[in-house]
Amino acid sequence: MLIIKTQVSFRFLNLNKLQGITLTREITGAIYHANHNNDSFTGVVALTEMLDNINDLNIYFVRQQVVLEDCDILISVSSHNPPSKIEIPALVNKVLKHIDCKITVALTAN
């Protein structure tokens, strides 16, 4: 049986500490962590079909004056045998309509 796990997250790649704290207070379920290669932080918001905070995400993006190069949508795919076809959830299109950032795909074989 082929088991494929797909996770989709919106990432803010270059936040300062205050922006990270603000992210977790303004968007339910958001987290942030320090980047090892510099003094910045990465904020992560899991994107699920149940996500009802796209507006909160967009408002945070605008208020914090995040540049498009400092964010992405991360699609993580984990499988024993890498599939030849991966379906991307329609929610990604909804987010891209508000914040037109790049998409990063991470493939992991278990």
PDB file of N, CA and C in Angstrom:
ATOM      1  N   MET A   1       0.839  -1.177   0.000  1.00  0.00           N
ATOM      2  CA  MET A   1       0.000   0.000   0.000  1.00  0.00           C
ATOM      3  C   MET A   1       0.888   1.245   0.000  1.00  0.00           C
ATOM      4  N   LEU A   2       0.590   2.171  -0.889  1.00  0.00           N
ATOM      5  CA  LEU A   2       1.351   3.396  -1.013  1.00  0.00           C
ATOM      6  C   LEU A   2       0.777   4.452  -0.071  1.00  0.00           C
ATOM      7  N   ILE A   3       1.579   4.884   0.889  1.00  0.00           N
ATOM      8  CA  ILE A   3       1.150   5.911   1.832  1.00  0.00           C
ATOM      9  C   ILE A   3       1.918   7.189   1.532  1.00  0.00           C
ATOM     10  N   ILE A   4       1.170   8.231   1.222  1.00  0.00           N
ATOM     11  CA  ILE A   4       1.768   9.525   0.927  1.00  0.00           C
ATOM     12  C   ILE A   4       1.257  10.521   1.955  1.00  0.00           C
ATOM     13  N   LYS A   5       2.168  11.184   2.639  1.00  0.00           N
ATOM     14  CA  LYS A   5       1.790  12.226   3.583  1.00  0.00           C
ATOM     15  C   LYS A   5       2.170  13.570   2.973  1.00  0.00           C
ATOM     16  N   THR A   6       1.188  14.453   2.885  1.00  0.00           N
ATOM     17  CA  THR A   6       1.430  15.782   2.336  1.00  0.00           C
ATOM     18  C   THR A   6       1.047  16.828   3.374  1.00  0.00           C
ATOM     19  N   GLN A   7       1.955  17.754   3.624  1.00  0.00           N
ATOM     20  CA  GLN A   7       1.689  18.867   4.533  1.00  0.00           C
ATOM     21  C   GLN A   7       1.972  20.162   3.779  1.00  0.00           C
ATOM     22  N   VAL A   8       1.105  21.140   3.984  1.00  0.00           N
ATOM     23  CA  VAL A   8       1.257  22.431   3.315  1.00  0.00           C
ATOM     24  C   VAL A   8       1.316  23.517   4.379  1.00  0.00           C
ATOM     25  N   SER A   9       2.326  24.374   4.280  1.00  0.00           N
ATOM     26  CA  SER A   9       2.511  25.458   5.248  1.00  0.00           C
ATOM     27  C   SER A   9       2.873  26.748   4.529  1.00  0.00           C
ATOM     28  N   PHE A  10       2.414  27.851   5.096  1.00  0.00           N
ATOM     29  CA  PHE A  10       2.852  29.169   4.646  1.00  0.00           C
ATOM     30  C   PHE A  10       3.988  29.578   5.567  1.00  0.00           C
ATOM     31  N   ARG A  11       5.111  30.017   4.981  1.00  0.00           N
ATOM     32  CA  ARG A  11       6.263  30.386   5.806  1.00  0.00           C
ATOM     33  C   ARG A  11       6.666  31.842   5.584  1.00  0.00           C
ATOM     34  N   PHE A  12       6.921  32.516   6.686  1.00  0.00           N
ATOM     35  CA  PHE A  12       7.549  33.831   6.682  1.00  0.00           C
ATOM     36  C   PHE A  12       9.019  33.563   7.005  1.00  0.00           C
ATOM     37  N   LEU A  13       9.911  33.814   6.068  1.00  0.00           N
ATOM     38  CA  LEU A  13      11.290  33.327   6.158  1.00  0.00           C
ATOM     39  C   LEU A  13      12.275  34.264   6.845  1.00  0.00           C
ATOM     40  N   ASN A  14      11.879  35.509   7.096  1.00  0.00           N
ATOM     41  CA  ASN A  14      12.862  36.470   7.596  1.00  0.00           C
ATOM     42  C   ASN A  14      12.217  37.437   8.589  1.00  0.00           C
ATOM     43  N   LEU A  15      11.716  36.899   9.695  1.00  0.00           N
ATOM     44  CA  LEU A  15      11.074  37.725  10.708  1.00  0.00           C
ATOM     45  C   LEU A  15      12.060  38.099  11.799  1.00  0.00           C
ATOM     46  N   ASN A  16      11.758  39.196  12.517  1.00  0.00           N
ATOM     47  CA  ASN A  16      12.504  39.459  13.737  1.00  0.00           C
ATOM     48  C   ASN A  16      11.719  38.834  14.900  1.00  0.00           C
ATOM     49  N   LYS A  17      12.276  38.864  16.089  1.00  0.00           N
ATOM     50  CA  LYS A  17      11.646  38.200  17.243  1.00  0.00           C
ATOM     51  C   LYS A  17      10.250  38.769  17.531  1.00  0.00           C
ATOM     52  N   LEU A  18      10.102  40.090  17.486  1.00  0.00           N
ATOM     53  CA  LEU A  18       8.810  40.705  17.758  1.00  0.00           C
ATOM     54  C   LEU A  18       7.765  40.279  16.718  1.00  0.00           C
ATOM     55  N   GLN A  19       8.165  40.200  15.450  1.00  0.00           N
ATOM     56  CA  GLN A  19       7.242  39.753  14.415  1.00  0.00           C
ATOM     57  C   GLN A  19       6.828  38.297  14.648  1.00  0.00           C
ATOM     58  N   GLY A  20       7.758  37.463  15.110  1.00  0.00           N
ATOM     59  CA  GLY A  20       7.437  36.070  15.418  1.00  0.00           C
ATOM     60  C   GLY A  20       6.413  35.961  16.537  1.00  0.00           C
ATOM     61  N   ILE A  21       6.620  36.740  17.585  1.00  0.00           N
ATOM     62  CA  ILE A  21       5.677  36.738  18.712  1.00  0.00           C
ATOM     63  C   ILE A  21       4.309  37.240  18.247  1.00  0.00           C
ATOM     64  N   THR A  22       4.312  38.304  17.455  1.00  0.00           N
ATOM     65  CA  THR A  22       3.062  38.857  16.936  1.00  0.00           C
ATOM     66  C   THR A  22       2.330  37.830  16.074  1.00  0.00           C
ATOM     67  N   LEU A  23       3.065  37.090  15.270  1.00  0.00           N
ATOM     68  CA  LEU A  23       2.465  36.055  14.414  1.00  0.00           C
ATOM     69  C   LEU A  23       1.694  35.043  15.246  1.00  0.00           C
ATOM     70  N   THR A  24       2.307  34.564  16.322  1.00  0.00           N
ATOM     71  CA  THR A  24       1.646  33.542  17.143  1.00  0.00           C
ATOM     72  C   THR A  24       0.427  34.098  17.880  1.00  0.00           C
ATOM     73  N   ARG A  25       0.404  35.383  18.114  1.00  0.00           N
ATOM     74  CA  ARG A  25      -0.751  35.998  18.790  1.00  0.00           C
ATOM     75  C   ARG A  25      -1.880  36.325  17.827  1.00  0.00           C
ATOM     76  N   GLU A  26      -1.539  36.608  16.569  1.00  0.00           N
ATOM     77  CA  GLU A  26      -2.554  37.031  15.608  1.00  0.00           C
ATOM     78  C   GLU A  26      -3.131  35.890  14.776  1.00  0.00           C
ATOM     79  N   ILE A  27      -2.387  34.781  14.645  1.00  0.00           N
ATOM     80  CA  ILE A  27      -2.867  33.670  13.821  1.00  0.00           C
ATOM     81  C   ILE A  27      -2.836  32.392  14.652  1.00  0.00           C
ATOM     82  N   THR A  28      -3.997  31.837  14.884  1.00  0.00           N
ATOM     83  CA  THR A  28      -4.138  30.620  15.686  1.00  0.00           C
ATOM     84  C   THR A  28      -3.333  29.478  15.078  1.00  0.00           C
ATOM     85  N   GLY A  29      -2.527  28.824  15.909  1.00  0.00           N
ATOM     86  CA  GLY A  29      -1.745  27.675  15.469  1.00  0.00           C
ATOM     87  C   GLY A  29      -0.409  28.013  14.832  1.00  0.00           C
ATOM     88  N   ALA A  30      -0.124  29.294  14.647  1.00  0.00           N
ATOM     89  CA  ALA A  30       1.149  29.698  14.044  1.00  0.00           C
ATOM     90  C   ALA A  30       2.284  29.470  15.040  1.00  0.00           C
ATOM     91  N   ILE A  31       3.460  29.176  14.508  1.00  0.00           N
ATOM     92  CA  ILE A  31       4.654  29.002  15.329  1.00  0.00           C
ATOM     93  C   ILE A  31       5.797  29.768  14.670  1.00  0.00           C
ATOM     94  N   TYR A  32       6.877  29.959  15.417  1.00  0.00           N
ATOM     95  CA  TYR A  32       8.085  30.539  14.831  1.00  0.00           C
ATOM     96  C   TYR A  32       9.297  29.904  15.494  1.00  0.00           C
ATOM     97  N   HIS A  33      10.416  29.911  14.776  1.00  0.00           N
ATOM     98  CA  HIS A  33      11.661  29.362  15.319  1.00  0.00           C
ATOM     99  C   HIS A  33      12.845  30.127  14.741  1.00  0.00           C
ATOM    100  N   ALA A  34      13.945  30.090  15.454  1.00  0.00           N
ATOM    101  CA  ALA A  34      15.154  30.814  15.036  1.00  0.00           C
ATOM    102  C   ALA A  34      15.785  30.138  13.822  1.00  0.00           C
ATOM    103  N   ASN A  35      16.321  30.948  12.931  1.00  0.00           N
ATOM    104  CA  ASN A  35      17.104  30.433  11.807  1.00  0.00           C
ATOM    105  C   ASN A  35      18.536  30.233  12.285  1.00  0.00           C
ATOM    106  N   HIS A  36      19.145  29.143  11.899  1.00  0.00           N
ATOM    107  CA  HIS A  36      20.491  28.821  12.366  1.00  0.00           C
ATOM    108  C   HIS A  36      21.579  29.620  11.644  1.00  0.00           C
ATOM    109  N   ASN A  37      21.281  30.088  10.422  1.00  0.00           N
ATOM    110  CA  ASN A  37      22.324  30.742   9.634  1.00  0.00           C
ATOM    111  C   ASN A  37      22.370  32.265   9.799  1.00  0.00           C
ATOM    112  N   ASN A  38      21.391  32.846  10.497  1.00  0.00           N
ATOM    113  CA  ASN A  38      21.424  34.295  10.742  1.00  0.00           C
ATOM    114  C   ASN A  38      20.580  34.617  11.979  1.00  0.00           C
ATOM    115  N   ASP A  39      20.381  35.870  12.241  1.00  0.00           N
ATOM    116  CA  ASP A  39      19.664  36.294  13.447  1.00  0.00           C
ATOM    117  C   ASP A  39      18.165  36.462  13.230  1.00  0.00           C
ATOM    118  N   SER A  40      17.624  35.884  12.183  1.00  0.00           N
ATOM    119  CA  SER A  40      16.200  36.043  11.902  1.00  0.00           C
ATOM    120  C   SER A  40      15.413  34.815  12.370  1.00  0.00           C
ATOM    121  N   PHE A  41      14.097  34.886  12.176  1.00  0.00           N
ATOM    122  CA  PHE A  41      13.201  33.814  12.582  1.00  0.00           C
ATOM    123  C   PHE A  41      12.310  33.430  11.410  1.00  0.00           C
ATOM    124  N   THR A  42      11.859  32.182  11.409  1.00  0.00           N
ATOM    125  CA  THR A  42      10.906  31.708  10.417  1.00  0.00           C
ATOM    126  C   THR A  42       9.580  31.465  11.105  1.00  0.00           C
ATOM    127  N   GLY A  43       8.528  32.056  10.578  1.00  0.00           N
ATOM    128  CA  GLY A  43       7.181  31.839  11.080  1.00  0.00           C
ATOM    129  C   GLY A  43       6.467  30.855  10.169  1.00  0.00           C
ATOM    130  N   VAL A  44       5.700  29.938  10.770  1.00  0.00           N
ATOM    131  CA  VAL A  44       5.034  28.889  10.008  1.00  0.00           C
ATOM    132  C   VAL A  44       3.556  28.841  10.379  1.00  0.00           C
ATOM    133  N   VAL A  45       2.712  28.814   9.341  1.00  0.00           N
ATOM    134  CA  VAL A  45       1.268  28.661   9.520  1.00  0.00           C
ATOM    135  C   VAL A  45       0.848  27.448   8.692  1.00  0.00           C
ATOM    136  N   ALA A  46       0.355  26.405   9.352  1.00  0.00           N
ATOM    137  CA  ALA A  46      -0.110  25.215   8.638  1.00  0.00           C
ATOM    138  C   ALA A  46      -1.348  25.572   7.824  1.00  0.00           C
ATOM    139  N   LEU A  47      -1.375  25.155   6.566  1.00  0.00           N
ATOM    140  CA  LEU A  47      -2.526  25.388   5.704  1.00  0.00           C
ATOM    141  C   LEU A  47      -3.300  24.080   5.587  1.00  0.00           C
ATOM    142  N   THR A  48      -4.516  24.093   6.057  1.00  0.00           N
ATOM    143  CA  THR A  48      -5.379  22.914   5.974  1.00  0.00           C
ATOM    144  C   THR A  48      -6.700  23.330   5.350  1.00  0.00           C
ATOM    145  N   GLU A  49      -7.482  22.351   4.919  1.00  0.00           N
ATOM    146  CA  GLU A  49      -8.792  22.647   4.334  1.00  0.00           C
ATOM    147  C   GLU A  49      -9.691  23.340   5.343  1.00  0.00           C
ATOM    148  N   MET A  50      -9.407  23.168   6.614  1.00  0.00           N
ATOM    149  CA  MET A  50     -10.210  23.789   7.666  1.00  0.00           C
ATOM    150  C   MET A  50      -9.736  25.216   7.967  1.00  0.00           C
ATOM    151  N   LEU A  51      -8.706  25.655   7.268  1.00  0.00           N
ATOM    152  CA  LEU A  51      -8.137  26.979   7.541  1.00  0.00           C
ATOM    153  C   LEU A  51      -9.187  28.059   7.307  1.00  0.00           C
ATOM    154  N   ASP A  52      -9.453  28.816   8.331  1.00  0.00           N
ATOM    155  CA  ASP A  52     -10.405  29.913   8.209  1.00  0.00           C
ATOM    156  C   ASP A  52      -9.730  31.260   8.456  1.00  0.00           C
ATOM    157  N   ASN A  53      -8.403  31.245   8.443  1.00  0.00           N
ATOM    158  CA  ASN A  53      -7.695  32.478   8.782  1.00  0.00           C
ATOM    159  C   ASN A  53      -6.863  33.034   7.626  1.00  0.00           C
ATOM    160  N   ILE A  54      -7.295  32.802   6.389  1.00  0.00           N
ATOM    161  CA  ILE A  54      -6.570  33.366   5.250  1.00  0.00           C
ATOM    162  C   ILE A  54      -6.554  34.891   5.341  1.00  0.00           C
ATOM    163  N   ASN A  55      -7.659  35.470   5.789  1.00  0.00           N
ATOM    164  CA  ASN A  55      -7.691  36.931   5.957  1.00  0.00           C
ATOM    165  C   ASN A  55      -6.697  37.380   7.022  1.00  0.00           C
ATOM    166  N   ASP A  56      -6.606  36.631   8.127  1.00  0.00           N
ATOM    167  CA  ASP A  56      -5.635  36.962   9.179  1.00  0.00           C
ATOM    168  C   ASP A  56      -4.209  36.893   8.628  1.00  0.00           C
ATOM    169  N   LEU A  57      -3.946  35.876   7.817  1.00  0.00           N
ATOM    170  CA  LEU A  57      -2.635  35.708   7.198  1.00  0.00           C
ATOM    171  C   LEU A  57      -2.315  36.908   6.309  1.00  0.00           C
ATOM    172  N   ASN A  58      -3.272  37.307   5.501  1.00  0.00           N
ATOM    173  CA  ASN A  58      -3.084  38.442   4.600  1.00  0.00           C
ATOM    174  C   ASN A  58      -2.895  39.745   5.375  1.00  0.00           C
ATOM    175  N   ILE A  59      -3.689  39.958   6.410  1.00  0.00           N
ATOM    176  CA  ILE A  59      -3.565  41.170   7.226  1.00  0.00           C
ATOM    177  C   ILE A  59      -2.193  41.229   7.896  1.00  0.00           C
ATOM    178  N   TYR A  60      -1.738  40.094   8.435  1.00  0.00           N
ATOM    179  CA  TYR A  60      -0.412  40.048   9.067  1.00  0.00           C
ATOM    180  C   TYR A  60       0.666  40.396   8.032  1.00  0.00           C
ATOM    181  N   PHE A  61       0.574  39.801   6.855  1.00  0.00           N
ATOM    182  CA  PHE A  61       1.529  40.035   5.775  1.00  0.00           C
ATOM    183  C   PHE A  61       1.637  41.533   5.462  1.00  0.00           C
ATOM    184  N   VAL A  62       0.494  42.198   5.352  1.00  0.00           N
ATOM    185  CA  VAL A  62       0.479  43.624   5.005  1.00  0.00           C
ATOM    186  C   VAL A  62       0.971  44.476   6.169  1.00  0.00           C
ATOM    187  N   ARG A  63       0.477  44.221   7.373  1.00  0.00           N
ATOM    188  CA  ARG A  63       0.863  45.040   8.532  1.00  0.00           C
ATOM    189  C   ARG A  63       2.351  44.947   8.845  1.00  0.00           C
ATOM    190  N   GLN A  64       2.906  43.756   8.673  1.00  0.00           N
ATOM    191  CA  GLN A  64       4.324  43.570   8.985  1.00  0.00           C
ATOM    192  C   GLN A  64       5.232  43.941   7.816  1.00  0.00           C
ATOM    193  N   GLN A  65       4.643  44.354   6.711  1.00  0.00           N
ATOM    194  CA  GLN A  65       5.371  44.779   5.520  1.00  0.00           C
ATOM    195  C   GLN A  65       6.384  43.732   5.059  1.00  0.00           C
ATOM    196  N   VAL A  66       5.914  42.490   4.986  1.00  0.00           N
ATOM    197  CA  VAL A  66       6.751  41.383   4.521  1.00  0.00           C
ATOM    198  C   VAL A  66       6.897  41.482   3.004  1.00  0.00           C
ATOM    199  N   VAL A  67       8.106  41.331   2.503  1.00  0.00           N
ATOM    200  CA  VAL A  67       8.323  41.336   1.055  1.00  0.00           C
ATOM    201  C   VAL A  67       8.101  39.921   0.519  1.00  0.00           C
ATOM    202  N   LEU A  68       7.652  39.824  -0.721  1.00  0.00           N
ATOM    203  CA  LEU A  68       7.315  38.518  -1.301  1.00  0.00           C
ATOM    204  C   LEU A  68       8.490  37.545  -1.298  1.00  0.00           C
ATOM    205  N   GLU A  69       9.700  38.065  -1.426  1.00  0.00           N
ATOM    206  CA  GLU A  69      10.875  37.188  -1.441  1.00  0.00           C
ATOM    207  C   GLU A  69      11.129  36.542  -0.077  1.00  0.00           C
ATOM    208  N   ASP A  70      10.497  37.071   0.971  1.00  0.00           N
ATOM    209  CA  ASP A  70      10.704  36.558   2.326  1.00  0.00           C
ATOM    210  C   ASP A  70       9.580  35.644   2.793  1.00  0.00           C
ATOM    211  N   CYS A  71       8.840  35.075   1.842  1.00  0.00           N
ATOM    212  CA  CYS A  71       7.813  34.114   2.225  1.00  0.00           C
ATOM    213  C   CYS A  71       7.674  33.063   1.129  1.00  0.00           C
ATOM    214  N   ASP A  72       7.091  31.935   1.500  1.00  0.00           N
ATOM    215  CA  ASP A  72       6.791  30.898   0.520  1.00  0.00           C
ATOM    216  C   ASP A  72       5.701  29.980   1.054  1.00  0.00           C
ATOM    217  N   ILE A  73       5.216  29.135   0.171  1.00  0.00           N
ATOM    218  CA  ILE A  73       4.325  28.054   0.560  1.00  0.00           C
ATOM    219  C   ILE A  73       5.142  26.784   0.431  1.00  0.00           C
ATOM    220  N   LEU A  74       5.296  26.070   1.544  1.00  0.00           N
ATOM    221  CA  LEU A  74       6.084  24.838   1.565  1.00  0.00           C
ATOM    222  C   LEU A  74       5.140  23.651   1.449  1.00  0.00           C
ATOM    223  N   ILE A  75       5.370  22.837   0.440  1.00  0.00           N
ATOM    224  CA  ILE A  75       4.620  21.592   0.267  1.00  0.00           C
ATOM    225  C   ILE A  75       5.580  20.456   0.557  1.00  0.00           C
ATOM    226  N   SER A  76       5.337  19.760   1.671  1.00  0.00           N
ATOM    227  CA  SER A  76       6.193  18.652   2.099  1.00  0.00           C
ATOM    228  C   SER A  76       5.496  17.337   1.781  1.00  0.00           C
ATOM    229  N   VAL A  77       6.198  16.473   1.042  1.00  0.00           N
ATOM    230  CA  VAL A  77       5.649  15.178   0.664  1.00  0.00           C
ATOM    231  C   VAL A  77       6.560  14.097   1.211  1.00  0.00           C
ATOM    232  N   SER A  78       5.969  13.171   1.952  1.00  0.00           N
ATOM    233  CA  SER A  78       6.723  12.074   2.549  1.00  0.00           C
ATOM    234  C   SER A  78       6.099  10.757   2.102  1.00  0.00           C
ATOM    235  N   SER A  79       6.931   9.839   1.583  1.00  0.00           N
ATOM    236  CA  SER A  79       6.430   8.562   1.080  1.00  0.00           C
ATOM    237  C   SER A  79       7.551   7.534   1.072  1.00  0.00           C
ATOM    238  N   HIS A  80       7.169   6.259   1.173  1.00  0.00           N
ATOM    239  CA  HIS A  80       8.163   5.181   1.060  1.00  0.00           C
ATOM    240  C   HIS A  80       8.702   5.106  -0.363  1.00  0.00           C
ATOM    241  N   ASN A  81       7.820   5.238  -1.327  1.00  0.00           N
ATOM    242  CA  ASN A  81       8.204   5.258  -2.731  1.00  0.00           C
ATOM    243  C   ASN A  81       7.719   6.581  -3.316  1.00  0.00           C
ATOM    244  N   PRO A  82       8.629   7.442  -3.738  1.00  0.00           N
ATOM    245  CA  PRO A  82       8.200   8.739  -4.269  1.00  0.00           C
ATOM    246  C   PRO A  82       7.189   8.565  -5.403  1.00  0.00           C
ATOM    247  N   PRO A  83       6.044   9.220  -5.300  1.00  0.00           N
ATOM    248  CA  PRO A  83       5.023   9.086  -6.336  1.00  0.00           C
ATOM    249  C   PRO A  83       5.399   9.868  -7.585  1.00  0.00           C
ATOM    250  N   SER A  84       4.816   9.484  -8.710  1.00  0.00           N
ATOM    251  CA  SER A  84       5.080  10.210  -9.946  1.00  0.00           C
ATOM    252  C   SER A  84       4.133  11.389 -10.103  1.00  0.00           C
ATOM    253  N   LYS A  85       3.082  11.414  -9.285  1.00  0.00           N
ATOM    254  CA  LYS A  85       2.098  12.493  -9.363  1.00  0.00           C
ATOM    255  C   LYS A  85       1.675  12.880  -7.951  1.00  0.00           C
ATOM    256  N   ILE A  86       1.674  14.183  -7.688  1.00  0.00           N
ATOM    257  CA  ILE A  86       1.265  14.694  -6.381  1.00  0.00           C
ATOM    258  C   ILE A  86       0.192  15.751  -6.616  1.00  0.00           C
ATOM    259  N   GLU A  87      -0.943  15.603  -5.960  1.00  0.00           N
ATOM    260  CA  GLU A  87      -2.004  16.592  -6.078  1.00  0.00           C
ATOM    261  C   GLU A  87      -1.831  17.662  -5.012  1.00  0.00           C
ATOM    262  N   ILE A  88      -1.838  18.898  -5.447  1.00  0.00           N
ATOM    263  CA  ILE A  88      -1.694  20.032  -4.542  1.00  0.00           C
ATOM    264  C   ILE A  88      -3.097  20.483  -4.130  1.00  0.00           C
ATOM    265  N   PRO A  89      -3.337  20.657  -2.824  1.00  0.00           N
ATOM    266  CA  PRO A  89      -4.666  21.074  -2.375  1.00  0.00           C
ATOM    267  C   PRO A  89      -5.084  22.415  -2.977  1.00  0.00           C
ATOM    268  N   ALA A  90      -6.379  22.555  -3.265  1.00  0.00           N
ATOM    269  CA  ALA A  90      -6.922  23.793  -3.851  1.00  0.00           C
ATOM    270  C   ALA A  90      -6.711  24.993  -2.937  1.00  0.00           C
ATOM    271  N   LEU A  91      -6.529  24.743  -1.644  1.00  0.00           N
ATOM    272  CA  LEU A  91      -6.303  25.826  -0.702  1.00  0.00           C
ATOM    273  C   LEU A  91      -5.062  26.648  -1.070  1.00  0.00           C
ATOM    274  N   VAL A  92      -4.081  26.013  -1.686  1.00  0.00           N
ATOM    275  CA  VAL A  92      -2.866  26.726  -2.114  1.00  0.00           C
ATOM    276  C   VAL A  92      -3.250  27.832  -3.104  1.00  0.00           C
ATOM    277  N   ASN A  93      -4.163  27.536  -4.023  1.00  0.00           N
ATOM    278  CA  ASN A  93      -4.615  28.556  -4.985  1.00  0.00           C
ATOM    279  C   ASN A  93      -5.289  29.720  -4.277  1.00  0.00           C
ATOM    280  N   LYS A  94      -6.086  29.429  -3.256  1.00  0.00           N
ATOM    281  CA  LYS A  94      -6.762  30.490  -2.508  1.00  0.00           C
ATOM    282  C   LYS A  94      -5.747  31.426  -1.859  1.00  0.00           C
ATOM    283  N   VAL A  95      -4.712  30.854  -1.265  1.00  0.00           N
ATOM    284  CA  VAL A  95      -3.692  31.675  -0.609  1.00  0.00           C
ATOM    285  C   VAL A  95      -2.933  32.500  -1.645  1.00  0.00           C
ATOM    286  N   LEU A  96      -2.602  31.883  -2.776  1.00  0.00           N
ATOM    287  CA  LEU A  96      -1.858  32.597  -3.816  1.00  0.00           C
ATOM    288  C   LEU A  96      -2.638  33.777  -4.394  1.00  0.00           C
ATOM    289  N   LYS A  97      -3.965  33.734  -4.325  1.00  0.00           N
ATOM    290  CA  LYS A  97      -4.770  34.867  -4.788  1.00  0.00           C
ATOM    291  C   LYS A  97      -4.562  36.096  -3.901  1.00  0.00           C
ATOM    292  N   HIS A  98      -4.244  35.862  -2.632  1.00  0.00           N
ATOM    293  CA  HIS A  98      -4.026  36.960  -1.690  1.00  0.00           C
ATOM    294  C   HIS A  98      -2.559  37.354  -1.603  1.00  0.00           C
ATOM    295  N   ILE A  99      -1.681  36.348  -1.540  1.00  0.00           N
ATOM    296  CA  ILE A  99      -0.245  36.591  -1.404  1.00  0.00           C
ATOM    297  C   ILE A  99       0.458  35.732  -2.460  1.00  0.00           C
ATOM    298  N   ASP A 100       0.918  36.348  -3.504  1.00  0.00           N
ATOM    299  CA  ASP A 100       1.475  35.634  -4.659  1.00  0.00           C
ATOM    300  C   ASP A 100       2.959  35.326  -4.445  1.00  0.00           C
ATOM    301  N   CYS A 101       3.233  34.411  -3.526  1.00  0.00           N
ATOM    302  CA  CYS A 101       4.619  34.066  -3.197  1.00  0.00           C
ATOM    303  C   CYS A 101       5.062  32.805  -3.936  1.00  0.00           C
ATOM    304  N   LYS A 102       6.322  32.468  -3.769  1.00  0.00           N
ATOM    305  CA  LYS A 102       6.856  31.275  -4.432  1.00  0.00           C
ATOM    306  C   LYS A 102       6.377  30.011  -3.721  1.00  0.00           C
ATOM    307  N   ILE A 103       6.497  28.883  -4.407  1.00  0.00           N
ATOM    308  CA  ILE A 103       6.162  27.584  -3.844  1.00  0.00           C
ATOM    309  C   ILE A 103       7.428  26.765  -3.764  1.00  0.00           C
ATOM    310  N   THR A 104       7.643  26.152  -2.601  1.00  0.00           N
ATOM    311  CA  THR A 104       8.791  25.276  -2.380  1.00  0.00           C
ATOM    312  C   THR A 104       8.252  23.874  -2.123  1.00  0.00           C
ATOM    313  N   VAL A 105       8.846  22.873  -2.787  1.00  0.00           N
ATOM    314  CA  VAL A 105       8.422  21.486  -2.617  1.00  0.00           C
ATOM    315  C   VAL A 105       9.574  20.705  -1.993  1.00  0.00           C
ATOM    316  N   ALA A 106       9.259  19.969  -0.914  1.00  0.00           N
ATOM    317  CA  ALA A 106      10.253  19.118  -0.254  1.00  0.00           C
ATOM    318  C   ALA A 106       9.774  17.671  -0.349  1.00  0.00           C
ATOM    319  N   LEU A 107      10.575  16.815  -0.984  1.00  0.00           N
ATOM    320  CA  LEU A 107      10.249  15.395  -1.096  1.00  0.00           C
ATOM    321  C   LEU A 107      11.131  14.597  -0.157  1.00  0.00           C
ATOM    322  N   THR A 108      10.498  13.741   0.650  1.00  0.00           N
ATOM    323  CA  THR A 108      11.237  12.928   1.604  1.00  0.00           C
ATOM    324  C   THR A 108      10.824  11.475   1.439  1.00  0.00           C
ATOM    325  N   ALA A 109      11.797  10.594   1.272  1.00  0.00           N
ATOM    326  CA  ALA A 109      11.516   9.159   1.219  1.00  0.00           C
ATOM    327  C   ALA A 109      11.753   8.568   2.590  1.00  0.00           C
ATOM    328  N   ASN A 110      10.772   7.831   3.079  1.00  0.00           N
ATOM    329  CA  ASN A 110      10.898   7.212   4.407  1.00  0.00           C
ATOM    330  C   ASN A 110      11.700   5.927   4.334  1.00  0.00           C
TER     331      ASN A 110
END
